[in-house]
PDB file of all heavy atoms in Angstrom:
ATOM      1  N   GLN A   1     -12.781  15.852   8.316  1.00  0.00           N
ATOM      2  CA  GLN A   1     -12.673  17.263   7.975  1.00  0.00           C
ATOM      3  C   GLN A   1     -14.016  17.862   7.565  1.00  0.00           C
ATOM      4  O   GLN A   1     -14.255  19.059   7.750  1.00  0.00           O
ATOM      5  CB  GLN A   1     -11.668  17.461   6.828  1.00  0.00           C
ATOM      6  CG  GLN A   1     -10.224  17.559   7.284  1.00  0.00           C
ATOM      7  CD  GLN A   1      -9.932  18.923   7.873  1.00  0.00           C
ATOM      8  OE1 GLN A   1     -10.395  19.261   8.965  1.00  0.00           O
ATOM      9  NE2 GLN A   1      -9.154  19.720   7.164  1.00  0.00           N
ATOM     10  N   GLU A   2     -14.871  17.039   6.998  1.00  0.00           N
ATOM     11  CA  GLU A   2     -16.180  17.539   6.542  1.00  0.00           C
ATOM     12  C   GLU A   2     -17.153  17.790   7.698  1.00  0.00           C
ATOM     13  O   GLU A   2     -18.173  18.461   7.500  1.00  0.00           O
ATOM     14  CB  GLU A   2     -16.801  16.535   5.564  1.00  0.00           C
ATOM     15  CG  GLU A   2     -16.063  16.463   4.223  1.00  0.00           C
ATOM     16  CD  GLU A   2     -16.536  15.288   3.381  1.00  0.00           C
ATOM     17  OE1 GLU A   2     -17.472  14.579   3.821  1.00  0.00           O
ATOM     18  OE2 GLU A   2     -15.960  15.051   2.300  1.00  0.00           O
ATOM     19  N   GLN A   3     -16.872  17.244   8.881  1.00  0.00           N
ATOM     20  CA  GLN A   3     -17.752  17.464  10.038  1.00  0.00           C
ATOM     21  C   GLN A   3     -17.475  18.847  10.611  1.00  0.00           C
ATOM     22  O   GLN A   3     -16.351  19.139  11.025  1.00  0.00           O
ATOM     23  CB  GLN A   3     -17.525  16.399  11.112  1.00  0.00           C
ATOM     24  CG  GLN A   3     -17.606  14.977  10.599  1.00  0.00           C
ATOM     25  CD  GLN A   3     -18.885  14.684   9.853  1.00  0.00           C
ATOM     26  OE1 GLN A   3     -19.976  14.884  10.378  1.00  0.00           O
ATOM     27  NE2 GLN A   3     -18.760  14.226   8.612  1.00  0.00           N
ATOM     28  N   PRO A   4     -18.466  19.737  10.644  1.00  0.00           N
ATOM     29  CA  PRO A   4     -18.237  21.123  11.095  1.00  0.00           C
ATOM     30  C   PRO A   4     -17.591  21.187  12.476  1.00  0.00           C
ATOM     31  O   PRO A   4     -18.144  20.698  13.464  1.00  0.00           O
ATOM     32  CB  PRO A   4     -19.655  21.727  11.115  1.00  0.00           C
ATOM     33  CG  PRO A   4     -20.422  20.885  10.154  1.00  0.00           C
ATOM     34  CD  PRO A   4     -19.870  19.502  10.262  1.00  0.00           C
ATOM     35  N   GLY A   5     -16.396  21.764  12.537  1.00  0.00           N
ATOM     36  CA  GLY A   5     -15.728  21.996  13.814  1.00  0.00           C
ATOM     37  C   GLY A   5     -15.061  20.801  14.448  1.00  0.00           C
ATOM     38  O   GLY A   5     -14.422  20.949  15.492  1.00  0.00           O
ATOM     39  N   LEU A   6     -15.187  19.615  13.871  1.00  0.00           N
ATOM     40  CA  LEU A   6     -14.617  18.421  14.526  1.00  0.00           C
ATOM     41  C   LEU A   6     -13.095  18.530  14.612  1.00  0.00           C
ATOM     42  O   LEU A   6     -12.496  18.211  15.637  1.00  0.00           O
ATOM     43  CB  LEU A   6     -15.014  17.153  13.777  1.00  0.00           C
ATOM     44  CG  LEU A   6     -14.459  15.850  14.346  1.00  0.00           C
ATOM     45  CD1 LEU A   6     -14.930  15.628  15.781  1.00  0.00           C
ATOM     46  CD2 LEU A   6     -14.853  14.645  13.479  1.00  0.00           C
ATOM     47  N   VAL A   7     -12.443  18.954  13.549  1.00  0.00           N
ATOM     48  CA  VAL A   7     -10.990  19.141  13.540  1.00  0.00           C
ATOM     49  C   VAL A   7     -10.701  20.611  13.838  1.00  0.00           C
ATOM     50  O   VAL A   7     -11.158  21.497  13.120  1.00  0.00           O
ATOM     51  CB  VAL A   7     -10.384  18.735  12.191  1.00  0.00           C
ATOM     52  CG1 VAL A   7      -8.892  19.053  12.149  1.00  0.00           C
ATOM     53  CG2 VAL A   7     -10.617  17.252  11.927  1.00  0.00           C
ATOM     54  N   ASP A   8      -9.933  20.859  14.905  1.00  0.00           N
ATOM     55  CA  ASP A   8      -9.666  22.254  15.275  1.00  0.00           C
ATOM     56  C   ASP A   8      -8.198  22.668  15.123  1.00  0.00           C
ATOM     57  O   ASP A   8      -7.856  23.832  15.331  1.00  0.00           O
ATOM     58  CB  ASP A   8     -10.154  22.543  16.696  1.00  0.00           C
ATOM     59  CG  ASP A   8      -9.458  21.699  17.772  1.00  0.00           C
ATOM     60  OD1 ASP A   8      -8.425  21.062  17.462  1.00  0.00           O
ATOM     61  OD2 ASP A   8      -9.954  21.668  18.905  1.00  0.00           O
ATOM     62  N   HIS A   9      -7.324  21.718  14.771  1.00  0.00           N
ATOM     63  CA  HIS A   9      -5.910  22.084  14.577  1.00  0.00           C
ATOM     64  C   HIS A   9      -5.229  21.000  13.749  1.00  0.00           C
ATOM     65  O   HIS A   9      -5.491  19.814  13.927  1.00  0.00           O
ATOM     66  CB  HIS A   9      -5.198  22.226  15.935  1.00  0.00           C
ATOM     67  CG  HIS A   9      -3.748  22.597  15.803  1.00  0.00           C
ATOM     68  ND1 HIS A   9      -3.330  23.854  15.426  1.00  0.00           N
ATOM     69  CD2 HIS A   9      -2.616  21.863  15.976  1.00  0.00           C
ATOM     70  CE1 HIS A   9      -2.003  23.875  15.393  1.00  0.00           C
ATOM     71  NE2 HIS A   9      -1.556  22.693  15.713  1.00  0.00           N
ATOM     72  N   ILE A  10      -4.365  21.433  12.818  1.00  0.00           N
ATOM     73  CA  ILE A  10      -3.637  20.502  11.946  1.00  0.00           C
ATOM     74  C   ILE A  10      -2.142  20.770  12.069  1.00  0.00           C
ATOM     75  O   ILE A  10      -1.709  21.917  12.003  1.00  0.00           O
ATOM     76  CB  ILE A  10      -4.085  20.648  10.478  1.00  0.00           C
ATOM     77  CG1 ILE A  10      -5.584  20.381  10.348  1.00  0.00           C
ATOM     78  CG2 ILE A  10      -3.308  19.678   9.584  1.00  0.00           C
ATOM     79  CD1 ILE A  10      -6.142  20.657   8.971  1.00  0.00           C
ATOM     80  N   HIS A  11      -1.374  19.694  12.258  1.00  0.00           N
ATOM     81  CA  HIS A  11       0.082  19.823  12.382  1.00  0.00           C
ATOM     82  C   HIS A  11       0.768  18.857  11.426  1.00  0.00           C
ATOM     83  O   HIS A  11       0.360  17.692  11.316  1.00  0.00           O
ATOM     84  CB  HIS A  11       0.512  19.529  13.815  1.00  0.00           C
ATOM     85  CG  HIS A  11       2.005  19.574  14.008  1.00  0.00           C
ATOM     86  ND1 HIS A  11       2.759  18.445  14.245  1.00  0.00           N
ATOM     87  CD2 HIS A  11       2.879  20.616  13.988  1.00  0.00           C
ATOM     88  CE1 HIS A  11       4.036  18.787  14.371  1.00  0.00           C
ATOM     89  NE2 HIS A  11       4.140  20.093  14.205  1.00  0.00           N
ATOM     90  N   TYR A  12       1.789  19.348  10.756  1.00  0.00           N
ATOM     91  CA  TYR A  12       2.544  18.543   9.790  1.00  0.00           C
ATOM     92  C   TYR A  12       3.846  18.086  10.418  1.00  0.00           C
ATOM     93  O   TYR A  12       4.600  18.884  10.973  1.00  0.00           O
ATOM     94  CB  TYR A  12       2.833  19.398   8.545  1.00  0.00           C
ATOM     95  CG  TYR A  12       3.806  18.798   7.561  1.00  0.00           C
ATOM     96  CD1 TYR A  12       3.495  17.649   6.835  1.00  0.00           C
ATOM     97  CD2 TYR A  12       5.035  19.411   7.320  1.00  0.00           C
ATOM     98  CE1 TYR A  12       4.391  17.116   5.914  1.00  0.00           C
ATOM     99  CE2 TYR A  12       5.941  18.896   6.390  1.00  0.00           C
ATOM    100  CZ  TYR A  12       5.609  17.743   5.699  1.00  0.00           C
ATOM    101  OH  TYR A  12       6.488  17.225   4.784  1.00  0.00           O
ATOM    102  N   ARG A  13       4.110  16.774  10.367  1.00  0.00           N
ATOM    103  CA  ARG A  13       5.355  16.212  10.883  1.00  0.00           C
ATOM    104  C   ARG A  13       6.074  15.529   9.719  1.00  0.00           C
ATOM    105  O   ARG A  13       5.715  14.429   9.312  1.00  0.00           O
ATOM    106  CB  ARG A  13       5.075  15.205  11.995  1.00  0.00           C
ATOM    107  CG  ARG A  13       6.338  14.671  12.700  1.00  0.00           C
ATOM    108  CD  ARG A  13       5.964  13.616  13.729  1.00  0.00           C
ATOM    109  NE  ARG A  13       5.181  14.173  14.806  1.00  0.00           N
ATOM    110  CZ  ARG A  13       5.702  14.718  15.904  1.00  0.00           C
ATOM    111  NH1 ARG A  13       7.021  14.761  16.053  1.00  0.00           N
ATOM    112  NH2 ARG A  13       4.921  15.200  16.844  1.00  0.00           N
ATOM    113  N   PRO A  14       7.080  16.196   9.133  1.00  0.00           N
ATOM    114  CA  PRO A  14       7.731  15.648   7.952  1.00  0.00           C
ATOM    115  C   PRO A  14       8.561  14.412   8.267  1.00  0.00           C
ATOM    116  O   PRO A  14       9.027  14.213   9.399  1.00  0.00           O
ATOM    117  CB  PRO A  14       8.616  16.787   7.462  1.00  0.00           C
ATOM    118  CG  PRO A  14       8.934  17.557   8.711  1.00  0.00           C
ATOM    119  CD  PRO A  14       7.697  17.469   9.559  1.00  0.00           C
ATOM    120  N   SER A  15       8.764  13.596   7.264  1.00  0.00           N
ATOM    121  CA  SER A  15       9.623  12.436   7.423  1.00  0.00           C
ATOM    122  C   SER A  15      11.075  12.875   7.542  1.00  0.00           C
ATOM    123  O   SER A  15      11.445  13.976   7.128  1.00  0.00           O
ATOM    124  CB  SER A  15       9.471  11.499   6.224  1.00  0.00           C
ATOM    125  OG  SER A  15      10.025  12.100   5.061  1.00  0.00           O
ATOM    126  N   GLN A  16      11.874  12.010   8.088  1.00  0.00           N
ATOM    127  CA  GLN A  16      13.292  12.297   8.214  1.00  0.00           C
ATOM    128  C   GLN A  16      13.922  12.515   6.832  1.00  0.00           C
ATOM    129  O   GLN A  16      14.766  13.404   6.654  1.00  0.00           O
ATOM    130  CB  GLN A  16      13.962  11.126   8.915  1.00  0.00           C
ATOM    131  CG  GLN A  16      15.441  11.299   9.171  1.00  0.00           C
ATOM    132  CD  GLN A  16      16.044  10.021   9.729  1.00  0.00           C
ATOM    133  OE1 GLN A  16      16.263   9.073   8.994  1.00  0.00           O
ATOM    134  NE2 GLN A  16      16.275   9.995  11.032  1.00  0.00           N
ATOM    135  N   TYR A  17      13.502  11.744   5.850  1.00  0.00           N
ATOM    136  CA  TYR A  17      14.064  11.840   4.500  1.00  0.00           C
ATOM    137  C   TYR A  17      13.754  13.199   3.875  1.00  0.00           C
ATOM    138  O   TYR A  17      14.634  13.851   3.306  1.00  0.00           O
ATOM    139  CB  TYR A  17      13.521  10.711   3.623  1.00  0.00           C
ATOM    140  CG  TYR A  17      13.944  10.819   2.176  1.00  0.00           C
ATOM    141  CD1 TYR A  17      15.229  10.467   1.791  1.00  0.00           C
ATOM    142  CD2 TYR A  17      13.056  11.278   1.209  1.00  0.00           C
ATOM    143  CE1 TYR A  17      15.625  10.580   0.444  1.00  0.00           C
ATOM    144  CE2 TYR A  17      13.436  11.392  -0.119  1.00  0.00           C
ATOM    145  CZ  TYR A  17      14.728  11.039  -0.483  1.00  0.00           C
ATOM    146  OH  TYR A  17      15.118  11.157  -1.800  1.00  0.00           O
ATOM    147  N   ASN A  18      12.500  13.637   3.946  1.00  0.00           N
ATOM    148  CA  ASN A  18      12.134  14.924   3.348  1.00  0.00           C
ATOM    149  C   ASN A  18      12.845  16.086   4.017  1.00  0.00           C
ATOM    150  O   ASN A  18      13.205  17.071   3.369  1.00  0.00           O
ATOM    151  CB  ASN A  18      10.622  15.120   3.394  1.00  0.00           C
ATOM    152  CG  ASN A  18       9.907  14.302   2.340  1.00  0.00           C
ATOM    153  OD1 ASN A  18      10.512  13.904   1.343  1.00  0.00           O
ATOM    154  ND2 ASN A  18       8.625  14.041   2.545  1.00  0.00           N
ATOM    155  N   THR A  19      13.051  15.978   5.309  1.00  0.00           N
ATOM    156  CA  THR A  19      13.806  17.020   6.027  1.00  0.00           C
ATOM    157  C   THR A  19      15.261  17.032   5.562  1.00  0.00           C
ATOM    158  O   THR A  19      15.853  18.103   5.354  1.00  0.00           O
ATOM    159  CB  THR A  19      13.736  16.776   7.544  1.00  0.00           C
ATOM    160  OG1 THR A  19      12.386  16.947   7.974  1.00  0.00           O
ATOM    161  CG2 THR A  19      14.630  17.753   8.293  1.00  0.00           C
ATOM    162  N   LEU A  20      15.846  15.868   5.366  1.00  0.00           N
ATOM    163  CA  LEU A  20      17.227  15.783   4.875  1.00  0.00           C
ATOM    164  C   LEU A  20      17.331  16.377   3.469  1.00  0.00           C
ATOM    165  O   LEU A  20      18.263  17.143   3.185  1.00  0.00           O
ATOM    166  CB  LEU A  20      17.681  14.321   4.864  1.00  0.00           C
ATOM    167  CG  LEU A  20      19.052  14.034   4.244  1.00  0.00           C
ATOM    168  CD1 LEU A  20      20.155  14.802   4.962  1.00  0.00           C
ATOM    169  CD2 LEU A  20      19.334  12.537   4.259  1.00  0.00           C
ATOM    170  N   VAL A  21      16.385  16.055   2.608  1.00  0.00           N
ATOM    171  CA  VAL A  21      16.403  16.573   1.231  1.00  0.00           C
ATOM    172  C   VAL A  21      16.332  18.096   1.234  1.00  0.00           C
ATOM    173  O   VAL A  21      17.057  18.763   0.482  1.00  0.00           O
ATOM    174  CB  VAL A  21      15.243  15.984   0.415  1.00  0.00           C
ATOM    175  CG1 VAL A  21      15.070  16.717  -0.908  1.00  0.00           C
ATOM    176  CG2 VAL A  21      15.471  14.498   0.166  1.00  0.00           C
ATOM    177  N   ARG A  22      15.490  18.663   2.094  1.00  0.00           N
ATOM    178  CA  ARG A  22      15.364  20.123   2.138  1.00  0.00           C
ATOM    179  C   ARG A  22      16.674  20.773   2.566  1.00  0.00           C
ATOM    180  O   ARG A  22      17.150  21.723   1.954  1.00  0.00           O
ATOM    181  CB  ARG A  22      14.258  20.534   3.109  1.00  0.00           C
ATOM    182  CG  ARG A  22      14.168  22.069   3.271  1.00  0.00           C
ATOM    183  CD  ARG A  22      13.266  22.471   4.400  1.00  0.00           C
ATOM    184  NE  ARG A  22      13.106  23.919   4.416  1.00  0.00           N
ATOM    185  CZ  ARG A  22      13.601  24.711   5.360  1.00  0.00           C
ATOM    186  NH1 ARG A  22      14.333  24.184   6.347  1.00  0.00           N
ATOM    187  NH2 ARG A  22      13.400  26.014   5.341  1.00  0.00           N
ATOM    188  N   ASN A  23      17.292  20.273   3.637  1.00  0.00           N
ATOM    189  CA  ASN A  23      18.527  20.863   4.123  1.00  0.00           C
ATOM    190  C   ASN A  23      19.686  20.662   3.147  1.00  0.00           C
ATOM    191  O   ASN A  23      20.550  21.533   3.016  1.00  0.00           O
ATOM    192  CB  ASN A  23      18.866  20.293   5.508  1.00  0.00           C
ATOM    193  CG  ASN A  23      17.982  20.848   6.597  1.00  0.00           C
ATOM    194  OD1 ASN A  23      18.254  21.924   7.140  1.00  0.00           O
ATOM    195  ND2 ASN A  23      16.908  20.138   6.908  1.00  0.00           N
ATOM    196  N   PHE A  24      19.692  19.542   2.458  1.00  0.00           N
ATOM    197  CA  PHE A  24      20.727  19.316   1.459  1.00  0.00           C
ATOM    198  C   PHE A  24      20.594  20.307   0.306  1.00  0.00           C
ATOM    199  O   PHE A  24      21.580  20.843  -0.199  1.00  0.00           O
ATOM    200  CB  PHE A  24      20.642  17.874   0.935  1.00  0.00           C
ATOM    201  CG  PHE A  24      21.793  17.476   0.053  1.00  0.00           C
ATOM    202  CD1 PHE A  24      22.988  17.033   0.606  1.00  0.00           C
ATOM    203  CD2 PHE A  24      21.695  17.546  -1.333  1.00  0.00           C
ATOM    204  CE1 PHE A  24      24.052  16.671  -0.203  1.00  0.00           C
ATOM    205  CE2 PHE A  24      22.747  17.186  -2.156  1.00  0.00           C
ATOM    206  CZ  PHE A  24      23.948  16.740  -1.584  1.00  0.00           C
ATOM    207  N   SER A  25      19.329  20.588  -0.096  1.00  0.00           N
ATOM    208  CA  SER A  25      19.111  21.501  -1.208  1.00  0.00           C
ATOM    209  C   SER A  25      19.492  22.933  -0.843  1.00  0.00           C
ATOM    210  O   SER A  25      19.857  23.729  -1.726  1.00  0.00           O
ATOM    211  CB  SER A  25      17.653  21.451  -1.658  1.00  0.00           C
ATOM    212  OG  SER A  25      16.795  21.968  -0.637  1.00  0.00           O
TER     213      SER A  25
END
């Protein structure tokens, strides 16, 4: 991340458990 421009896009892929917790809540 500290290298200028090396990373151009970030995507989050949640775990199955965290997705279940969110929908349950």
